[in-house]
Amino acid sequence: MQLDIRLPIGMLFSILGGILVVFGAVSNSDIYHKSMGININLWWGLVMLIFGLLMFFYGLRATRRNAATPDEGNVEGPNAHIKPPHAH
């Protein structure tokens, strides 16, 4: 089984985005006066969380799809189970 790069990237962005969302939700709103009152941590945390979840979802989907298809490196090919007719 090969590792799809979207899985670790998705996990990384999901974890970091979740941390930012929690920090932005519980932090004091006075620290955001430099950013025109916009809760940067909350909004970018949501962006990172959504991106991470999408990457993780598509990585899992591709991994499952590759596991369901026959191996392309098979020398005999995908129709190896079909027996040729006997020549008499």
N, C-alpha and C. Protein backbone atom coordinates (compact mmCIF):
# COMPACT_ATOMS: atom_id res chain seq x y z
N MET A 1 0.84 -1.17 0.00
CA MET A 1 0.00 0.00 0.00
C MET A 1 0.89 1.24 0.00
N GLN A 2 0.59 2.15 -0.89
CA GLN A 2 1.35 3.38 -0.96
C GLN A 2 0.61 4.48 -0.20
N LEU A 3 1.37 5.36 0.42
CA LEU A 3 0.79 6.45 1.19
C LEU A 3 0.45 7.61 0.26
N ASP A 4 -0.78 8.04 0.30
CA ASP A 4 -1.20 9.20 -0.46
C ASP A 4 -0.79 10.45 0.33
N ILE A 5 -0.13 11.39 -0.32
CA ILE A 5 0.40 12.57 0.36
C ILE A 5 -0.72 13.43 0.94
N ARG A 6 -1.94 13.28 0.41
CA ARG A 6 -3.06 14.08 0.92
C ARG A 6 -3.46 13.69 2.34
N LEU A 7 -3.17 12.46 2.74
CA LEU A 7 -3.55 12.03 4.10
C LEU A 7 -2.76 12.77 5.19
N PRO A 8 -1.42 12.77 5.16
CA PRO A 8 -0.72 13.52 6.22
C PRO A 8 -0.90 15.02 6.11
N ILE A 9 -1.02 15.55 4.88
CA ILE A 9 -1.27 16.99 4.74
C ILE A 9 -2.63 17.34 5.32
N GLY A 10 -3.62 16.50 5.04
CA GLY A 10 -4.96 16.73 5.57
C GLY A 10 -4.99 16.69 7.08
N MET A 11 -4.28 15.72 7.66
CA MET A 11 -4.24 15.63 9.12
C MET A 11 -3.54 16.85 9.72
N LEU A 12 -2.43 17.26 9.12
CA LEU A 12 -1.69 18.41 9.63
C LEU A 12 -2.54 19.67 9.61
N PHE A 13 -3.17 19.96 8.47
CA PHE A 13 -3.98 21.18 8.37
C PHE A 13 -5.22 21.09 9.25
N SER A 14 -5.80 19.91 9.39
CA SER A 14 -6.98 19.77 10.24
C SER A 14 -6.64 20.02 11.71
N ILE A 15 -5.53 19.48 12.15
CA ILE A 15 -5.12 19.67 13.55
C ILE A 15 -4.78 21.14 13.82
N LEU A 16 -3.96 21.73 12.95
CA LEU A 16 -3.58 23.14 13.16
C LEU A 16 -4.78 24.07 13.01
N GLY A 17 -5.65 23.78 12.05
CA GLY A 17 -6.86 24.59 11.88
C GLY A 17 -7.78 24.47 13.08
N GLY A 18 -7.91 23.27 13.63
CA GLY A 18 -8.74 23.08 14.82
C GLY A 18 -8.19 23.85 16.01
N ILE A 19 -6.87 23.84 16.16
CA ILE A 19 -6.25 24.60 17.25
C ILE A 19 -6.52 26.09 17.09
N LEU A 20 -6.39 26.60 15.87
CA LEU A 20 -6.64 28.02 15.63
C LEU A 20 -8.11 28.38 15.86
N VAL A 21 -9.02 27.51 15.44
CA VAL A 21 -10.45 27.77 15.66
C VAL A 21 -10.75 27.85 17.15
N VAL A 22 -10.23 26.91 17.91
CA VAL A 22 -10.48 26.93 19.36
C VAL A 22 -9.86 28.17 19.99
N PHE A 23 -8.62 28.50 19.60
CA PHE A 23 -7.98 29.69 20.16
C PHE A 23 -8.75 30.95 19.78
N GLY A 24 -9.18 31.04 18.53
CA GLY A 24 -9.93 32.22 18.10
C GLY A 24 -11.28 32.33 18.79
N ALA A 25 -11.88 31.20 19.10
CA ALA A 25 -13.20 31.22 19.75
C ALA A 25 -13.13 31.61 21.22
N VAL A 26 -12.05 31.23 21.90
CA VAL A 26 -11.97 31.49 23.34
C VAL A 26 -11.09 32.68 23.70
N SER A 27 -10.40 33.27 22.74
CA SER A 27 -9.48 34.36 23.07
C SER A 27 -10.25 35.67 23.26
N ASN A 28 -9.58 36.60 23.90
CA ASN A 28 -10.13 37.92 24.17
C ASN A 28 -10.20 38.71 22.87
N SER A 29 -11.31 39.35 22.61
CA SER A 29 -11.48 40.09 21.35
C SER A 29 -10.65 41.38 21.30
N ASP A 30 -10.09 41.79 22.41
CA ASP A 30 -9.28 43.02 22.43
C ASP A 30 -7.97 42.86 21.66
N ILE A 31 -7.49 41.62 21.47
CA ILE A 31 -6.21 41.44 20.78
C ILE A 31 -6.35 41.62 19.26
N TYR A 32 -7.56 41.78 18.76
CA TYR A 32 -7.77 41.88 17.32
C TYR A 32 -7.98 43.31 16.85
N HIS A 33 -7.62 44.29 17.66
CA HIS A 33 -7.80 45.68 17.24
C HIS A 33 -6.82 46.06 16.12
N LYS A 34 -5.68 45.39 16.04
CA LYS A 34 -4.72 45.66 14.97
C LYS A 34 -5.20 45.12 13.62
N SER A 35 -6.09 44.14 13.65
CA SER A 35 -6.60 43.55 12.42
C SER A 35 -8.01 44.04 12.12
N MET A 36 -8.29 45.29 12.48
CA MET A 36 -9.59 45.94 12.24
C MET A 36 -10.75 45.19 12.89
N GLY A 37 -10.50 44.53 14.00
CA GLY A 37 -11.53 43.83 14.74
C GLY A 37 -11.90 42.48 14.18
N ILE A 38 -11.20 42.03 13.14
CA ILE A 38 -11.49 40.73 12.54
C ILE A 38 -10.74 39.66 13.32
N ASN A 39 -11.46 38.61 13.70
CA ASN A 39 -10.86 37.51 14.44
C ASN A 39 -10.10 36.62 13.44
N ILE A 40 -8.85 37.00 13.17
CA ILE A 40 -8.02 36.32 12.16
C ILE A 40 -7.82 34.85 12.50
N ASN A 41 -7.59 34.56 13.77
CA ASN A 41 -7.35 33.17 14.18
C ASN A 41 -8.56 32.29 13.88
N LEU A 42 -9.74 32.79 14.16
CA LEU A 42 -10.95 32.01 13.92
C LEU A 42 -11.17 31.78 12.43
N TRP A 43 -11.08 32.83 11.63
CA TRP A 43 -11.37 32.69 10.20
C TRP A 43 -10.32 31.86 9.47
N TRP A 44 -9.04 32.10 9.73
CA TRP A 44 -8.02 31.29 9.06
C TRP A 44 -7.97 29.88 9.61
N GLY A 45 -8.35 29.71 10.87
CA GLY A 45 -8.48 28.37 11.41
C GLY A 45 -9.56 27.59 10.69
N LEU A 46 -10.70 28.24 10.41
CA LEU A 46 -11.76 27.59 9.66
C LEU A 46 -11.31 27.23 8.24
N VAL A 47 -10.59 28.14 7.61
CA VAL A 47 -10.08 27.87 6.25
C VAL A 47 -9.14 26.67 6.27
N MET A 48 -8.23 26.65 7.22
CA MET A 48 -7.28 25.54 7.32
C MET A 48 -7.98 24.24 7.66
N LEU A 49 -8.96 24.29 8.54
CA LEU A 49 -9.70 23.10 8.92
C LEU A 49 -10.47 22.52 7.74
N ILE A 50 -11.15 23.37 6.99
CA ILE A 50 -11.89 22.90 5.81
C ILE A 50 -10.95 22.33 4.77
N PHE A 51 -9.84 23.02 4.51
CA PHE A 51 -8.85 22.52 3.55
C PHE A 51 -8.30 21.17 3.99
N GLY A 52 -7.97 21.05 5.26
CA GLY A 52 -7.43 19.79 5.77
C GLY A 52 -8.42 18.65 5.68
N LEU A 53 -9.68 18.93 6.01
CA LEU A 53 -10.69 17.88 5.91
C LEU A 53 -10.93 17.45 4.47
N LEU A 54 -10.90 18.41 3.54
CA LEU A 54 -11.05 18.06 2.13
C LEU A 54 -9.87 17.21 1.63
N MET A 55 -8.67 17.60 2.00
CA MET A 55 -7.50 16.83 1.59
C MET A 55 -7.55 15.42 2.17
N PHE A 56 -7.93 15.30 3.43
CA PHE A 56 -8.02 14.00 4.07
C PHE A 56 -9.11 13.15 3.43
N PHE A 57 -10.25 13.75 3.13
CA PHE A 57 -11.35 13.03 2.49
C PHE A 57 -10.95 12.50 1.12
N TYR A 58 -10.34 13.37 0.30
CA TYR A 58 -9.94 12.93 -1.04
C TYR A 58 -8.79 11.93 -1.00
N GLY A 59 -7.92 12.03 -0.02
CA GLY A 59 -6.86 11.04 0.15
C GLY A 59 -7.42 9.67 0.52
N LEU A 60 -8.39 9.64 1.44
CA LEU A 60 -9.03 8.38 1.80
C LEU A 60 -9.79 7.78 0.63
N ARG A 61 -10.47 8.64 -0.12
CA ARG A 61 -11.24 8.17 -1.27
C ARG A 61 -10.33 7.54 -2.32
N ALA A 62 -9.20 8.17 -2.58
CA ALA A 62 -8.26 7.63 -3.56
C ALA A 62 -7.62 6.34 -3.06
N THR A 63 -7.33 6.27 -1.78
CA THR A 63 -6.74 5.06 -1.22
C THR A 63 -7.71 3.89 -1.31
N ARG A 64 -8.96 4.14 -1.00
CA ARG A 64 -9.97 3.08 -1.11
C ARG A 64 -10.20 2.67 -2.55
N ARG A 65 -10.20 3.64 -3.46
CA ARG A 65 -10.41 3.34 -4.87
C ARG A 65 -9.24 2.52 -5.42
N ASN A 66 -8.01 2.85 -5.03
CA ASN A 66 -6.84 2.10 -5.49
C ASN A 66 -6.81 0.70 -4.91
N ALA A 67 -7.32 0.52 -3.71
CA ALA A 67 -7.35 -0.80 -3.11
C ALA A 67 -8.38 -1.70 -3.79
N ALA A 68 -9.42 -1.11 -4.36
CA ALA A 68 -10.48 -1.89 -5.00
C ALA A 68 -10.12 -2.31 -6.42
N THR A 69 -9.21 -1.60 -7.07
CA THR A 69 -8.83 -1.92 -8.45
C THR A 69 -7.69 -2.92 -8.45
N PRO A 70 -7.61 -3.74 -9.51
CA PRO A 70 -6.50 -4.71 -9.58
C PRO A 70 -5.16 -4.00 -9.76
N ASP A 71 -4.11 -4.68 -9.38
CA ASP A 71 -2.76 -4.14 -9.45
C ASP A 71 -2.35 -3.96 -10.90
N GLU A 72 -1.87 -2.75 -11.26
CA GLU A 72 -1.46 -2.48 -12.63
C GLU A 72 -0.11 -3.09 -12.96
N GLY A 73 0.65 -3.44 -11.96
CA GLY A 73 1.96 -4.03 -12.19
C GLY A 73 1.89 -5.52 -12.48
N ASN A 74 0.71 -6.07 -12.54
CA ASN A 74 0.52 -7.49 -12.79
C ASN A 74 0.95 -7.82 -14.22
N VAL A 75 1.86 -8.77 -14.38
CA VAL A 75 2.38 -9.13 -15.69
C VAL A 75 1.31 -9.80 -16.53
N GLU A 76 0.43 -10.51 -15.90
CA GLU A 76 -0.58 -11.26 -16.62
C GLU A 76 -1.74 -10.40 -17.08
N GLY A 77 -1.89 -9.20 -16.56
CA GLY A 77 -2.93 -8.30 -17.00
C GLY A 77 -4.22 -8.48 -16.21
N PRO A 78 -5.17 -7.56 -16.43
CA PRO A 78 -6.41 -7.61 -15.67
C PRO A 78 -7.34 -8.75 -16.09
N ASN A 79 -7.14 -9.32 -17.29
CA ASN A 79 -7.99 -10.40 -17.76
C ASN A 79 -7.33 -11.77 -17.60
N ALA A 80 -6.45 -11.93 -16.62
CA ALA A 80 -5.71 -13.17 -16.42
C ALA A 80 -6.62 -14.31 -16.00
N HIS A 81 -7.76 -13.99 -15.43
CA HIS A 81 -8.67 -15.03 -14.97
C HIS A 81 -9.46 -15.68 -16.12
N ILE A 82 -9.44 -15.06 -17.31
CA ILE A 82 -10.15 -15.60 -18.47
C ILE A 82 -9.27 -16.62 -19.15
N LYS A 83 -9.79 -17.82 -19.34
CA LYS A 83 -9.00 -18.89 -19.96
C LYS A 83 -9.23 -18.86 -21.48
N PRO A 84 -8.16 -18.98 -22.27
CA PRO A 84 -8.32 -18.97 -23.73
C PRO A 84 -8.96 -20.29 -24.18
N PRO A 85 -9.65 -20.26 -25.32
CA PRO A 85 -10.25 -21.52 -25.83
C PRO A 85 -9.16 -22.48 -26.27
N HIS A 86 -9.46 -23.79 -26.16
CA HIS A 86 -8.50 -24.81 -26.56
C HIS A 86 -8.49 -24.97 -28.07
N ALA A 87 -7.30 -24.99 -28.63
CA ALA A 87 -7.16 -25.21 -30.08
C ALA A 87 -7.00 -26.69 -30.35
N HIS A 88 -7.84 -27.29 -31.19
CA HIS A 88 -7.76 -28.73 -31.48
C HIS A 88 -7.28 -28.96 -32.85
